[in-house]
Amino acid sequence: MVIKVFVATSSGSIAIRKKQQEVVGFLEANKIDFKEFDIAGDEDNRRWMRENVPGEKKPQNGIPLPPQIFNEEQYCGDFDSFFSAKEENIIYSFLGLPPPPGSKVTKSPEEASSLPNGDVTGEAQSTTEGTEKAEESGQQEAQKEGSEDAGELTGSPEKNEEEGETATEETEEITAEGAEGEAEEEEAEKGEEEGPGEEEEGEEEEDS
């Protein structure tokens, strides 16, 4: 099984050249066997590529642009399909290749039977790791909140004592004010009682 990559080495489009380089560079970095087929200098390669790209995958003008990727005679996809498969970590499924032994994308027997040539284990692992990290951060926040609450509780007796002292002082002031008020009222009452007596004595002296 050989991966065929159809490219145009003399393409005048910078975008096409970048896409070709990205596909080839990725395959080389991951040690995936492939062969390049230049459609710019070989009419047979160009004709074969155009004839074997499925109709629904061809652009409106009917002429597919490189890079186009095949696994032997089986069409894999264009650059956009390749890029999506790479981002979703299903590149081996996209290329129709089994994942390399010992790789992070090795499938379990159940996944292999339900998803041929598919690979989701890497995504599942990353999701699990993300969940564990989220739980750890949640525990750390809970511990921080607990320590802050404990600090507030530790300081609360002092606050209560201060508040109690303040309340006692206020009560004493009120009591003192009340006592002064009562004393003034008593003096006023005494004055009123003495007032009529003095008036009566004055009247008796005038009569005499």
N, C-alpha and C. Protein backbone atom coordinates (compact mmCIF):
# COMPACT_ATOMS: atom_id res chain seq x y z
N MET A 1 0.85 -1.19 0.00
CA MET A 1 0.00 0.00 0.00
C MET A 1 0.88 1.24 0.00
N VAL A 2 0.81 1.97 -1.07
CA VAL A 2 1.64 3.16 -1.21
C VAL A 2 0.75 4.38 -1.33
N ILE A 3 1.08 5.41 -0.56
CA ILE A 3 0.34 6.67 -0.64
C ILE A 3 0.89 7.46 -1.83
N LYS A 4 -0.02 7.90 -2.69
CA LYS A 4 0.36 8.68 -3.85
C LYS A 4 -0.07 10.13 -3.62
N VAL A 5 0.88 11.02 -3.80
CA VAL A 5 0.59 12.45 -3.66
C VAL A 5 0.86 13.11 -5.00
N PHE A 6 -0.19 13.62 -5.62
CA PHE A 6 -0.05 14.29 -6.92
C PHE A 6 0.18 15.78 -6.70
N VAL A 7 1.31 16.27 -7.20
CA VAL A 7 1.72 17.65 -7.00
C VAL A 7 2.07 18.28 -8.34
N ALA A 8 2.18 19.60 -8.32
CA ALA A 8 2.63 20.34 -9.50
C ALA A 8 3.88 21.11 -9.09
N THR A 9 5.02 20.57 -9.41
CA THR A 9 6.29 21.14 -8.95
C THR A 9 6.54 22.54 -9.51
N SER A 10 5.99 22.81 -10.67
CA SER A 10 6.23 24.12 -11.29
C SER A 10 4.99 25.01 -11.24
N SER A 11 4.14 24.79 -10.23
CA SER A 11 2.92 25.59 -10.12
C SER A 11 3.26 27.04 -9.83
N GLY A 12 2.53 27.93 -10.48
CA GLY A 12 2.75 29.36 -10.26
C GLY A 12 1.99 29.88 -9.05
N SER A 13 1.18 29.04 -8.43
CA SER A 13 0.38 29.47 -7.28
C SER A 13 1.16 29.22 -5.98
N ILE A 14 1.38 30.28 -5.22
CA ILE A 14 2.07 30.14 -3.95
C ILE A 14 1.24 29.28 -2.98
N ALA A 15 -0.07 29.46 -3.00
CA ALA A 15 -0.96 28.70 -2.10
C ALA A 15 -0.85 27.21 -2.36
N ILE A 16 -0.85 26.84 -3.63
CA ILE A 16 -0.75 25.41 -3.99
C ILE A 16 0.59 24.84 -3.55
N ARG A 17 1.66 25.60 -3.77
CA ARG A 17 2.99 25.12 -3.37
C ARG A 17 3.08 24.92 -1.86
N LYS A 18 2.48 25.83 -1.08
CA LYS A 18 2.49 25.70 0.38
C LYS A 18 1.73 24.46 0.82
N LYS A 19 0.58 24.23 0.19
CA LYS A 19 -0.23 23.05 0.55
C LYS A 19 0.53 21.76 0.23
N GLN A 20 1.17 21.74 -0.92
CA GLN A 20 1.95 20.56 -1.30
C GLN A 20 3.08 20.30 -0.31
N GLN A 21 3.76 21.36 0.07
CA GLN A 21 4.88 21.23 1.01
C GLN A 21 4.39 20.74 2.38
N GLU A 22 3.22 21.21 2.78
CA GLU A 22 2.70 20.80 4.09
C GLU A 22 2.35 19.31 4.10
N VAL A 23 1.73 18.83 3.02
CA VAL A 23 1.36 17.41 2.94
C VAL A 23 2.63 16.54 2.92
N VAL A 24 3.55 16.90 2.05
CA VAL A 24 4.78 16.11 1.92
C VAL A 24 5.59 16.15 3.22
N GLY A 25 5.70 17.33 3.81
CA GLY A 25 6.45 17.46 5.05
C GLY A 25 5.84 16.64 6.19
N PHE A 26 4.53 16.62 6.26
CA PHE A 26 3.87 15.85 7.32
C PHE A 26 4.12 14.35 7.13
N LEU A 27 3.99 13.87 5.91
CA LEU A 27 4.21 12.45 5.64
C LEU A 27 5.65 12.05 5.94
N GLU A 28 6.59 12.91 5.57
CA GLU A 28 8.01 12.61 5.85
C GLU A 28 8.27 12.61 7.36
N ALA A 29 7.71 13.59 8.09
CA ALA A 29 7.95 13.68 9.53
C ALA A 29 7.39 12.47 10.27
N ASN A 30 6.29 11.92 9.78
CA ASN A 30 5.67 10.76 10.44
C ASN A 30 6.10 9.43 9.82
N LYS A 31 7.11 9.51 8.93
CA LYS A 31 7.69 8.31 8.31
C LYS A 31 6.62 7.44 7.64
N ILE A 32 5.74 8.12 6.93
CA ILE A 32 4.71 7.42 6.15
C ILE A 32 5.22 7.30 4.71
N ASP A 33 5.26 6.08 4.21
CA ASP A 33 5.76 5.87 2.85
C ASP A 33 4.81 6.49 1.83
N PHE A 34 5.37 7.22 0.90
CA PHE A 34 4.56 7.84 -0.14
C PHE A 34 5.42 8.09 -1.37
N LYS A 35 4.74 8.38 -2.46
CA LYS A 35 5.42 8.73 -3.70
C LYS A 35 4.78 9.98 -4.27
N GLU A 36 5.64 10.86 -4.77
CA GLU A 36 5.13 12.07 -5.41
C GLU A 36 4.97 11.82 -6.91
N PHE A 37 3.89 12.34 -7.45
CA PHE A 37 3.64 12.26 -8.89
C PHE A 37 3.43 13.68 -9.40
N ASP A 38 4.36 14.10 -10.28
CA ASP A 38 4.31 15.47 -10.79
C ASP A 38 3.37 15.53 -11.99
N ILE A 39 2.32 16.36 -11.87
CA ILE A 39 1.37 16.48 -12.99
C ILE A 39 1.78 17.60 -13.94
N ALA A 40 2.77 18.42 -13.50
CA ALA A 40 3.18 19.53 -14.35
C ALA A 40 4.01 19.05 -15.53
N GLY A 41 4.87 18.05 -15.30
CA GLY A 41 5.74 17.61 -16.38
C GLY A 41 5.36 16.25 -16.95
N ASP A 42 4.22 15.69 -16.49
CA ASP A 42 3.82 14.37 -16.98
C ASP A 42 2.32 14.37 -17.26
N GLU A 43 2.00 14.29 -18.53
CA GLU A 43 0.59 14.34 -18.93
C GLU A 43 -0.18 13.12 -18.42
N ASP A 44 0.50 11.96 -18.37
CA ASP A 44 -0.18 10.75 -17.89
C ASP A 44 -0.59 10.90 -16.42
N ASN A 45 0.31 11.47 -15.62
CA ASN A 45 -0.03 11.68 -14.21
C ASN A 45 -1.21 12.64 -14.05
N ARG A 46 -1.20 13.69 -14.85
CA ARG A 46 -2.27 14.66 -14.77
C ARG A 46 -3.60 14.03 -15.16
N ARG A 47 -3.59 13.27 -16.25
CA ARG A 47 -4.83 12.63 -16.72
C ARG A 47 -5.33 11.59 -15.70
N TRP A 48 -4.41 10.83 -15.14
CA TRP A 48 -4.82 9.79 -14.17
C TRP A 48 -5.44 10.45 -12.92
N MET A 49 -4.82 11.51 -12.44
CA MET A 49 -5.34 12.20 -11.26
C MET A 49 -6.74 12.73 -11.52
N ARG A 50 -6.94 13.39 -12.67
CA ARG A 50 -8.25 13.98 -12.96
C ARG A 50 -9.33 12.92 -13.14
N GLU A 51 -8.93 11.79 -13.70
CA GLU A 51 -9.93 10.74 -13.95
C GLU A 51 -10.32 10.01 -12.66
N ASN A 52 -9.41 9.97 -11.68
CA ASN A 52 -9.67 9.17 -10.49
C ASN A 52 -10.17 9.98 -9.28
N VAL A 53 -10.22 11.27 -9.41
CA VAL A 53 -10.86 12.07 -8.36
C VAL A 53 -12.37 11.96 -8.55
N PRO A 54 -13.11 11.53 -7.52
CA PRO A 54 -14.57 11.37 -7.65
C PRO A 54 -15.23 12.67 -8.10
N GLY A 55 -16.31 12.51 -8.84
CA GLY A 55 -17.00 13.67 -9.39
C GLY A 55 -17.44 14.66 -8.34
N GLU A 56 -17.95 14.14 -7.18
CA GLU A 56 -18.45 15.06 -6.14
C GLU A 56 -17.32 15.81 -5.46
N LYS A 57 -16.06 15.36 -5.65
CA LYS A 57 -14.92 16.01 -5.04
C LYS A 57 -14.26 17.02 -5.98
N LYS A 58 -14.71 17.05 -7.19
CA LYS A 58 -14.10 17.97 -8.16
C LYS A 58 -14.72 19.36 -8.02
N PRO A 59 -13.95 20.40 -8.30
CA PRO A 59 -14.50 21.75 -8.27
C PRO A 59 -15.50 21.96 -9.41
N GLN A 60 -16.11 23.13 -9.44
CA GLN A 60 -17.15 23.40 -10.42
C GLN A 60 -16.63 23.32 -11.86
N ASN A 61 -15.37 23.71 -12.06
CA ASN A 61 -14.84 23.66 -13.43
C ASN A 61 -14.40 22.25 -13.83
N GLY A 62 -14.51 21.29 -12.86
CA GLY A 62 -14.21 19.89 -13.19
C GLY A 62 -12.73 19.54 -13.20
N ILE A 63 -11.86 20.51 -12.85
CA ILE A 63 -10.41 20.24 -12.86
C ILE A 63 -9.88 20.31 -11.43
N PRO A 64 -9.62 19.17 -10.81
CA PRO A 64 -9.10 19.18 -9.43
C PRO A 64 -7.67 19.69 -9.39
N LEU A 65 -7.37 20.47 -8.37
CA LEU A 65 -6.03 21.05 -8.22
C LEU A 65 -5.21 20.24 -7.24
N PRO A 66 -3.90 20.20 -7.45
CA PRO A 66 -3.03 19.51 -6.49
C PRO A 66 -2.95 20.32 -5.19
N PRO A 67 -2.57 19.67 -4.10
CA PRO A 67 -2.25 18.24 -4.00
C PRO A 67 -3.50 17.37 -3.88
N GLN A 68 -3.45 16.20 -4.50
CA GLN A 68 -4.49 15.19 -4.39
C GLN A 68 -3.83 13.92 -3.86
N ILE A 69 -4.50 13.26 -2.93
CA ILE A 69 -3.88 12.14 -2.22
C ILE A 69 -4.66 10.85 -2.48
N PHE A 70 -3.93 9.79 -2.81
CA PHE A 70 -4.52 8.48 -3.07
C PHE A 70 -3.77 7.42 -2.26
N ASN A 71 -4.47 6.36 -1.93
CA ASN A 71 -3.84 5.15 -1.39
C ASN A 71 -3.98 4.10 -2.49
N GLU A 72 -2.87 3.90 -3.22
CA GLU A 72 -2.92 3.08 -4.43
C GLU A 72 -3.98 3.66 -5.38
N GLU A 73 -5.04 2.91 -5.67
CA GLU A 73 -6.09 3.40 -6.57
C GLU A 73 -7.22 4.10 -5.80
N GLN A 74 -7.20 3.99 -4.47
CA GLN A 74 -8.29 4.53 -3.65
C GLN A 74 -8.07 6.01 -3.37
N TYR A 75 -9.08 6.82 -3.68
CA TYR A 75 -8.97 8.26 -3.44
C TYR A 75 -9.12 8.57 -1.96
N CYS A 76 -8.18 9.36 -1.41
CA CYS A 76 -8.24 9.76 0.01
C CYS A 76 -8.86 11.14 0.16
N GLY A 77 -8.34 12.12 -0.58
CA GLY A 77 -8.90 13.45 -0.48
C GLY A 77 -7.93 14.51 -0.95
N ASP A 78 -8.41 15.77 -0.91
CA ASP A 78 -7.56 16.90 -1.30
C ASP A 78 -6.92 17.49 -0.03
N PHE A 79 -6.35 18.68 -0.17
CA PHE A 79 -5.64 19.27 0.97
C PHE A 79 -6.58 19.58 2.12
N ASP A 80 -7.79 20.10 1.82
CA ASP A 80 -8.73 20.46 2.88
C ASP A 80 -9.11 19.22 3.70
N SER A 81 -9.35 18.11 3.01
CA SER A 81 -9.69 16.87 3.72
C SER A 81 -8.50 16.39 4.55
N PHE A 82 -7.31 16.49 3.98
CA PHE A 82 -6.09 16.10 4.69
C PHE A 82 -5.91 16.94 5.95
N PHE A 83 -6.11 18.25 5.83
CA PHE A 83 -5.91 19.15 6.96
C PHE A 83 -6.92 18.84 8.08
N SER A 84 -8.18 18.61 7.71
CA SER A 84 -9.21 18.29 8.71
C SER A 84 -8.87 16.99 9.43
N ALA A 85 -8.43 15.98 8.68
CA ALA A 85 -8.07 14.68 9.29
C ALA A 85 -6.90 14.84 10.24
N LYS A 86 -5.96 15.68 9.88
CA LYS A 86 -4.79 15.91 10.74
C LYS A 86 -5.21 16.60 12.03
N GLU A 87 -6.09 17.59 11.93
CA GLU A 87 -6.54 18.32 13.12
C GLU A 87 -7.36 17.41 14.04
N GLU A 88 -8.11 16.49 13.48
CA GLU A 88 -8.96 15.60 14.28
C GLU A 88 -8.22 14.34 14.72
N ASN A 89 -6.94 14.25 14.38
CA ASN A 89 -6.10 13.12 14.78
C ASN A 89 -6.60 11.80 14.20
N ILE A 90 -7.09 11.86 12.97
CA ILE A 90 -7.55 10.62 12.30
C ILE A 90 -6.85 10.48 10.95
N ILE A 91 -5.60 10.91 10.91
CA ILE A 91 -4.87 10.93 9.64
C ILE A 91 -4.68 9.53 9.07
N TYR A 92 -4.46 8.54 9.95
CA TYR A 92 -4.25 7.18 9.43
C TYR A 92 -5.54 6.62 8.84
N SER A 93 -6.65 6.95 9.46
CA SER A 93 -7.94 6.55 8.90
C SER A 93 -8.16 7.22 7.55
N PHE A 94 -7.80 8.50 7.47
CA PHE A 94 -7.93 9.26 6.22
C PHE A 94 -7.10 8.63 5.11
N LEU A 95 -5.90 8.19 5.45
CA LEU A 95 -5.00 7.60 4.44
C LEU A 95 -5.29 6.12 4.19
N GLY A 96 -6.19 5.53 4.99
CA GLY A 96 -6.49 4.11 4.83
C GLY A 96 -5.37 3.22 5.32
N LEU A 97 -4.62 3.72 6.34
CA LEU A 97 -3.49 2.96 6.88
C LEU A 97 -3.75 2.58 8.33
N PRO A 98 -3.23 1.45 8.78
CA PRO A 98 -3.32 1.10 10.20
C PRO A 98 -2.38 1.98 11.00
N PRO A 99 -2.75 2.36 12.21
CA PRO A 99 -1.84 3.19 13.02
C PRO A 99 -0.58 2.41 13.37
N PRO A 100 0.54 3.06 13.52
CA PRO A 100 1.79 2.37 13.84
C PRO A 100 1.72 1.71 15.22
N PRO A 101 2.39 0.58 15.43
CA PRO A 101 2.37 -0.10 16.73
C PRO A 101 2.92 0.78 17.84
N GLY A 102 2.24 0.74 18.98
CA GLY A 102 2.70 1.51 20.14
C GLY A 102 2.40 2.98 20.07
N SER A 103 1.64 3.41 19.07
CA SER A 103 1.33 4.83 18.98
C SER A 103 0.19 5.18 19.94
N LYS A 104 0.02 6.47 20.19
CA LYS A 104 -1.03 6.93 21.10
C LYS A 104 -2.42 6.73 20.50
N VAL A 105 -2.46 6.45 19.21
CA VAL A 105 -3.76 6.36 18.55
C VAL A 105 -4.18 4.92 18.34
N THR A 106 -3.56 4.00 19.06
CA THR A 106 -3.93 2.58 18.92
C THR A 106 -5.35 2.38 19.41
N LYS A 107 -6.14 1.63 18.67
CA LYS A 107 -7.56 1.43 18.98
C LYS A 107 -7.74 0.18 19.84
N SER A 108 -8.80 0.19 20.64
CA SER A 108 -9.19 -1.02 21.36
C SER A 108 -9.94 -1.92 20.40
N PRO A 109 -10.09 -3.22 20.72
CA PRO A 109 -10.81 -4.13 19.82
C PRO A 109 -12.22 -3.66 19.51
N GLU A 110 -12.92 -3.10 20.51
CA GLU A 110 -14.28 -2.64 20.26
C GLU A 110 -14.29 -1.48 19.28
N GLU A 111 -13.37 -0.52 19.47
CA GLU A 111 -13.30 0.62 18.56
C GLU A 111 -12.89 0.16 17.16
N ALA A 112 -11.99 -0.82 17.10
CA ALA A 112 -11.53 -1.30 15.80
C ALA A 112 -12.68 -1.95 15.04
N SER A 113 -13.56 -2.67 15.75
CA SER A 113 -14.67 -3.34 15.08
C SER A 113 -15.76 -2.36 14.69
N SER A 114 -15.96 -1.31 15.52
CA SER A 114 -17.03 -0.37 15.22
C SER A 114 -16.58 0.75 14.29
N LEU A 115 -15.29 1.07 14.35
CA LEU A 115 -14.77 2.15 13.51
C LEU A 115 -13.55 1.66 12.74
N PRO A 116 -13.74 1.00 11.63
CA PRO A 116 -12.59 0.51 10.86
C PRO A 116 -11.70 1.67 10.42
N ASN A 117 -10.42 1.45 10.62
CA ASN A 117 -9.42 2.44 10.24
C ASN A 117 -9.62 3.78 10.94
N GLY A 118 -10.51 3.80 11.96
CA GLY A 118 -10.76 5.04 12.68
C GLY A 118 -9.86 5.14 13.89
N ASP A 119 -9.83 6.30 14.47
CA ASP A 119 -9.00 6.47 15.65
C ASP A 119 -9.53 7.61 16.48
N VAL A 120 -9.98 7.28 17.67
CA VAL A 120 -10.50 8.29 18.57
C VAL A 120 -9.86 8.19 19.95
N THR A 121 -8.96 7.22 20.11
CA THR A 121 -8.39 7.01 21.43
C THR A 121 -7.61 8.23 21.89
N GLY A 122 -6.86 8.83 20.98
CA GLY A 122 -6.08 10.02 21.34
C GLY A 122 -6.98 11.13 21.84
N GLU A 123 -8.13 11.33 21.17
CA GLU A 123 -9.05 12.36 21.61
C GLU A 123 -9.63 12.01 22.96
N ALA A 124 -9.97 10.75 23.17
CA ALA A 124 -10.55 10.33 24.45
C ALA A 124 -9.55 10.57 25.58
N GLN A 125 -8.27 10.26 25.32
CA GLN A 125 -7.26 10.47 26.35
C GLN A 125 -7.14 11.94 26.70
N SER A 126 -7.12 12.80 25.70
CA SER A 126 -6.99 14.22 25.98
C SER A 126 -8.20 14.73 26.74
N THR A 127 -9.39 14.21 26.41
CA THR A 127 -10.59 14.62 27.13
C THR A 127 -10.52 14.19 28.58
N THR A 128 -10.04 12.95 28.81
CA THR A 128 -9.92 12.46 30.18
C THR A 128 -8.93 13.29 30.97
N GLU A 129 -7.80 13.61 30.35
CA GLU A 129 -6.81 14.43 31.03
C GLU A 129 -7.38 15.79 31.38
N GLY A 130 -8.13 16.37 30.44
CA GLY A 130 -8.73 17.67 30.70
C GLY A 130 -9.71 17.61 31.87
N THR A 131 -10.48 16.51 31.94
CA THR A 131 -11.43 16.36 33.05
C THR A 131 -10.69 16.24 34.37
N GLU A 132 -9.61 15.44 34.39
CA GLU A 132 -8.85 15.28 35.63
C GLU A 132 -8.25 16.61 36.07
N LYS A 133 -7.73 17.37 35.12
CA LYS A 133 -7.15 18.66 35.47
C LYS A 133 -8.22 19.58 36.04
N ALA A 134 -9.39 19.56 35.43
CA ALA A 134 -10.48 20.40 35.91
C ALA A 134 -10.87 20.02 37.33
N GLU A 135 -10.91 18.70 37.61
CA GLU A 135 -11.26 18.25 38.96
C GLU A 135 -10.19 18.69 39.97
N GLU A 136 -8.90 18.58 39.58
CA GLU A 136 -7.83 18.98 40.48
C GLU A 136 -7.91 20.47 40.78
N SER A 137 -8.15 21.27 39.76
CA SER A 137 -8.24 22.71 39.99
C SER A 137 -9.43 23.03 40.88
N GLY A 138 -10.53 22.28 40.70
CA GLY A 138 -11.70 22.49 41.55
C GLY A 138 -11.40 22.17 43.00
N GLN A 139 -10.65 21.09 43.25
CA GLN A 139 -10.29 20.74 44.61
C GLN A 139 -9.39 21.80 45.23
N GLN A 140 -8.45 22.31 44.45
CA GLN A 140 -7.56 23.34 44.96
C GLN A 140 -8.34 24.59 45.34
N GLU A 141 -9.32 24.97 44.50
CA GLU A 141 -10.13 26.14 44.82
C GLU A 141 -10.93 25.90 46.10
N ALA A 142 -11.46 24.68 46.24
CA ALA A 142 -12.23 24.36 47.44
C ALA A 142 -11.35 24.45 48.68
N GLN A 143 -10.09 23.97 48.56
CA GLN A 143 -9.18 24.05 49.69
C GLN A 143 -8.87 25.50 50.04
N LYS A 144 -8.68 26.33 49.02
CA LYS A 144 -8.42 27.75 49.27
C LYS A 144 -9.59 28.39 49.98
N GLU A 145 -10.81 28.12 49.50
CA GLU A 145 -11.99 28.69 50.12
C GLU A 145 -12.10 28.23 51.56
N GLY A 146 -11.78 26.94 51.81
CA GLY A 146 -11.86 26.41 53.17
C GLY A 146 -10.89 27.13 54.08
N SER A 147 -9.65 27.36 53.59
CA SER A 147 -8.65 28.03 54.42
C SER A 147 -9.06 29.48 54.68
N GLU A 148 -9.66 30.15 53.69
CA GLU A 148 -10.11 31.52 53.88
C GLU A 148 -11.23 31.58 54.92
N ASP A 149 -12.17 30.62 54.84
CA ASP A 149 -13.26 30.56 55.82
C ASP A 149 -12.69 30.34 57.21
N ALA A 150 -11.69 29.46 57.33
CA ALA A 150 -11.08 29.19 58.62
C ALA A 150 -10.43 30.44 59.17
N GLY A 151 -9.77 31.22 58.29
CA GLY A 151 -9.15 32.46 58.72
C GLY A 151 -10.17 33.45 59.25
N GLU A 152 -11.33 33.54 58.57
CA GLU A 152 -12.38 34.43 59.02
C GLU A 152 -12.92 33.99 60.37
N LEU A 153 -13.09 32.67 60.57
CA LEU A 153 -13.61 32.15 61.84
C LEU A 153 -12.61 32.42 62.95
N THR A 154 -11.30 32.30 62.65
CA THR A 154 -10.28 32.53 63.67
C THR A 154 -10.31 33.98 64.13
N GLY A 155 -10.52 34.89 63.20
CA GLY A 155 -10.53 36.29 63.57
C GLY A 155 -11.85 36.74 64.17
N SER A 156 -12.90 35.96 64.08
CA SER A 156 -14.21 36.40 64.51
C SER A 156 -14.32 36.62 66.02
N PRO A 157 -13.68 35.78 66.91
CA PRO A 157 -13.80 36.04 68.36
C PRO A 157 -13.30 37.42 68.73
N GLU A 158 -12.18 37.86 68.11
CA GLU A 158 -11.67 39.19 68.42
C GLU A 158 -12.67 40.25 68.00
N LYS A 159 -13.25 40.03 66.81
CA LYS A 159 -14.25 40.99 66.36
C LYS A 159 -15.43 41.02 67.30
N ASN A 160 -15.86 39.84 67.77
CA ASN A 160 -17.00 39.78 68.68
C ASN A 160 -16.68 40.49 69.98
N GLU A 161 -15.41 40.32 70.49
CA GLU A 161 -15.03 40.98 71.72
C GLU A 161 -15.06 42.50 71.56
N GLU A 162 -14.51 42.96 70.44
CA GLU A 162 -14.52 44.40 70.18
C GLU A 162 -15.94 44.93 70.11
N GLU A 163 -16.80 44.17 69.39
CA GLU A 163 -18.19 44.60 69.28
C GLU A 163 -18.86 44.60 70.64
N GLY A 164 -18.54 43.58 71.47
CA GLY A 164 -19.13 43.51 72.81
C GLY A 164 -18.70 44.69 73.66
N GLU A 165 -17.40 45.06 73.59
CA GLU A 165 -16.91 46.20 74.36
C GLU A 165 -17.60 47.48 73.90
N THR A 166 -17.72 47.62 72.61
CA THR A 166 -18.39 48.82 72.09
C THR A 166 -19.82 48.90 72.58
N ALA A 167 -20.52 47.76 72.53
CA ALA A 167 -21.91 47.74 72.98
C ALA A 167 -21.99 48.07 74.46
N THR A 168 -21.04 47.58 75.28
CA THR A 168 -21.04 47.87 76.73
C THR A 168 -20.84 49.35 76.99
N GLU A 169 -19.88 49.94 76.24
CA GLU A 169 -19.63 51.37 76.40
C GLU A 169 -20.87 52.18 76.06
N GLU A 170 -21.53 51.81 74.98
CA GLU A 170 -22.75 52.52 74.57
C GLU A 170 -23.82 52.39 75.64
N THR A 171 -23.95 51.19 76.23
CA THR A 171 -24.96 50.97 77.27
C THR A 171 -24.66 51.84 78.49
N GLU A 172 -23.38 51.92 78.87
CA GLU A 172 -23.01 52.74 80.03
C GLU A 172 -23.31 54.21 79.78
N GLU A 173 -23.02 54.67 78.56
CA GLU A 173 -23.31 56.07 78.23
C GLU A 173 -24.80 56.35 78.32
N ILE A 174 -25.58 55.43 77.78
CA ILE A 174 -27.04 55.61 77.82
C ILE A 174 -27.52 55.64 79.27
N THR A 175 -26.98 54.71 80.08
CA THR A 175 -27.38 54.64 81.50
C THR A 175 -27.03 55.95 82.21
N ALA A 176 -25.83 56.47 81.96
CA ALA A 176 -25.40 57.72 82.59
C ALA A 176 -26.30 58.87 82.17
N GLU A 177 -26.60 58.94 80.89
CA GLU A 177 -27.49 59.99 80.41
C GLU A 177 -28.86 59.89 81.05
N GLY A 178 -29.32 58.62 81.19
CA GLY A 178 -30.64 58.43 81.81
C GLY A 178 -30.63 58.88 83.26
N ALA A 179 -29.56 58.59 83.97
CA ALA A 179 -29.47 59.00 85.38
C ALA A 179 -29.46 60.51 85.51
N GLU A 180 -28.70 61.19 84.65
CA GLU A 180 -28.67 62.65 84.69
C GLU A 180 -30.05 63.22 84.42
N GLY A 181 -30.73 62.62 83.44
CA GLY A 181 -32.07 63.10 83.10
C GLY A 181 -33.03 62.94 84.28
N GLU A 182 -32.96 61.81 84.97
CA GLU A 182 -33.84 61.58 86.11
C GLU A 182 -33.54 62.57 87.23
N ALA A 183 -32.25 62.84 87.46
CA ALA A 183 -31.88 63.80 88.51
C ALA A 183 -32.44 65.17 88.20
N GLU A 184 -32.34 65.59 86.93
CA GLU A 184 -32.87 66.89 86.55
C GLU A 184 -34.38 66.94 86.75
N GLU A 185 -35.06 65.85 86.41
CA GLU A 185 -36.52 65.82 86.57
C GLU A 185 -36.90 65.93 88.05
N GLU A 186 -36.14 65.22 88.91
CA GLU A 186 -36.43 65.28 90.36
C GLU A 186 -36.26 66.70 90.88
N GLU A 187 -35.17 67.37 90.45
CA GLU A 187 -34.94 68.74 90.90
C GLU A 187 -36.07 69.66 90.44
N ALA A 188 -36.52 69.43 89.19
CA ALA A 188 -37.60 70.25 88.67
C ALA A 188 -38.87 70.05 89.49
N GLU A 189 -39.17 68.81 89.85
CA GLU A 189 -40.37 68.51 90.64
C GLU A 189 -40.27 69.18 92.02
N LYS A 190 -39.09 69.09 92.63
CA LYS A 190 -38.91 69.72 93.93
C LYS A 190 -39.14 71.23 93.83
N GLY A 191 -38.65 71.82 92.77
CA GLY A 191 -38.82 73.26 92.59
C GLY A 191 -40.29 73.62 92.48
N GLU A 192 -41.04 72.80 91.78
CA GLU A 192 -42.46 73.08 91.63
C GLU A 192 -43.18 72.97 92.96
N GLU A 193 -42.79 71.97 93.77
CA GLU A 193 -43.45 71.80 95.07
C GLU A 193 -43.14 72.96 96.00
N GLU A 194 -41.90 73.43 95.99
CA GLU A 194 -41.50 74.53 96.85
C GLU A 194 -42.12 75.84 96.39
N GLY A 195 -42.35 75.99 95.09
CA GLY A 195 -42.88 77.23 94.53
C GLY A 195 -44.21 77.62 95.17
N PRO A 196 -45.21 76.79 95.21
CA PRO A 196 -46.51 77.17 95.78
C PRO A 196 -46.40 77.51 97.26
N GLY A 197 -45.54 76.83 98.02
CA GLY A 197 -45.39 77.12 99.44
C GLY A 197 -44.88 78.52 99.66
N GLU A 198 -43.92 78.97 98.88
CA GLU A 198 -43.36 80.30 99.02
C GLU A 198 -44.42 81.36 98.73
N GLU A 199 -45.26 81.09 97.72
CA GLU A 199 -46.31 82.04 97.37
C GLU A 199 -47.29 82.20 98.51
N GLU A 200 -47.68 81.10 99.19
CA GLU A 200 -48.62 81.17 100.30
C GLU A 200 -48.05 81.97 101.45
N GLU A 201 -46.75 81.78 101.76
CA GLU A 201 -46.13 82.55 102.83
C GLU A 201 -46.15 84.04 102.50
N GLY A 202 -45.92 84.37 101.25
CA GLY A 202 -45.94 85.77 100.86
C GLY A 202 -47.32 86.37 101.04
N GLU A 203 -48.33 85.67 100.77
CA GLU A 203 -49.70 86.19 100.92
C GLU A 203 -50.04 86.43 102.35
N GLU A 204 -49.61 85.50 103.27
CA GLU A 204 -49.90 85.67 104.69
C GLU A 204 -49.24 86.92 105.24
N GLU A 205 -47.97 87.20 104.81
CA GLU A 205 -47.29 88.38 105.29
C GLU A 205 -48.03 89.65 104.85
N GLU A 206 -48.56 89.70 103.65
CA GLU A 206 -49.28 90.86 103.16
C GLU A 206 -50.55 91.09 103.98
N ASP A 207 -51.25 90.01 104.32
CA ASP A 207 -52.49 90.13 105.09
C ASP A 207 -52.23 90.70 106.48
N SER A 208 -51.11 90.31 107.04
CA SER A 208 -50.81 90.79 108.38
C SER A 208 -50.37 92.27 108.32
